[in-house]
Amino acid sequence: MNRVLALMAFVTFCGFVGILAFEVPSPDLVAVILFTVALVAYDFATSSKNKPND
């Protein structure tokens, strides 16, 4: 369940910053957005795993 909610948040985030990147196509802004999306994707991949109960 954690992974599904994290995926929905990731897709929503990408949608919002995608609109920003297409409406304001500054190369610097697009580079920052791509870097930010890469960091969010890394966080999604590493922190949304199902952890065993301790």
Protein backbone atom coordinates (compact mmCIF):
# COMPACT_ATOMS: atom_id res chain seq x y z
CA MET A 1 0.00 0.00 0.00
CA ASN A 2 2.89 2.38 0.73
CA ARG A 3 4.22 1.94 -2.77
CA VAL A 4 0.85 2.68 -4.40
CA LEU A 5 0.42 5.93 -2.47
CA ALA A 6 4.01 6.94 -3.13
CA LEU A 7 3.54 6.25 -6.84
CA MET A 8 0.38 8.38 -6.92
CA ALA A 9 2.26 11.23 -5.20
CA PHE A 10 5.17 10.87 -7.64
CA VAL A 11 2.88 11.00 -10.68
CA THR A 12 1.04 14.02 -9.27
CA PHE A 13 4.34 15.81 -8.57
CA CYS A 14 5.58 15.05 -12.10
CA GLY A 15 2.34 16.41 -13.52
CA PHE A 16 2.67 19.71 -11.68
CA VAL A 17 6.32 20.27 -12.53
CA GLY A 18 5.69 19.06 -16.08
CA ILE A 19 3.14 21.81 -16.57
CA LEU A 20 5.67 24.31 -15.22
CA ALA A 21 8.41 23.00 -17.53
CA PHE A 22 6.18 23.26 -20.61
CA GLU A 23 4.73 26.67 -19.79
CA VAL A 24 8.09 28.24 -18.85
CA PRO A 25 10.62 26.45 -21.10
CA SER A 26 13.74 28.04 -19.66
CA PRO A 27 16.71 25.65 -19.99
CA ASP A 28 17.85 26.37 -16.43
CA LEU A 29 14.40 25.71 -15.02
CA VAL A 30 14.06 22.47 -16.99
CA ALA A 31 17.45 21.32 -15.68
CA VAL A 32 16.42 22.01 -12.08
CA ILE A 33 13.10 20.21 -12.61
CA LEU A 34 14.83 17.17 -14.10
CA PHE A 35 17.29 17.05 -11.21
CA THR A 36 14.44 17.38 -8.70
CA VAL A 37 12.40 14.63 -10.37
CA ALA A 38 15.47 12.38 -10.33
CA LEU A 39 15.87 12.96 -6.58
CA VAL A 40 12.18 12.27 -5.98
CA ALA A 41 12.40 9.08 -8.06
CA TYR A 42 15.41 7.93 -6.03
CA ASP A 43 13.54 8.65 -2.80
CA PHE A 44 10.52 6.75 -4.12
CA ALA A 45 12.65 3.74 -5.02
CA THR A 46 14.50 3.61 -1.72
CA SER A 47 11.93 4.59 0.89
CA SER A 48 8.64 3.11 -0.29
CA LYS A 49 9.64 -0.52 0.13
CA ASN A 50 7.53 -2.67 2.41
CA LYS A 51 9.51 -2.93 5.60
CA PRO A 52 9.24 -6.02 7.79
CA ASN A 53 7.52 -5.56 11.13
CA ASP A 54 10.04 -5.14 13.92
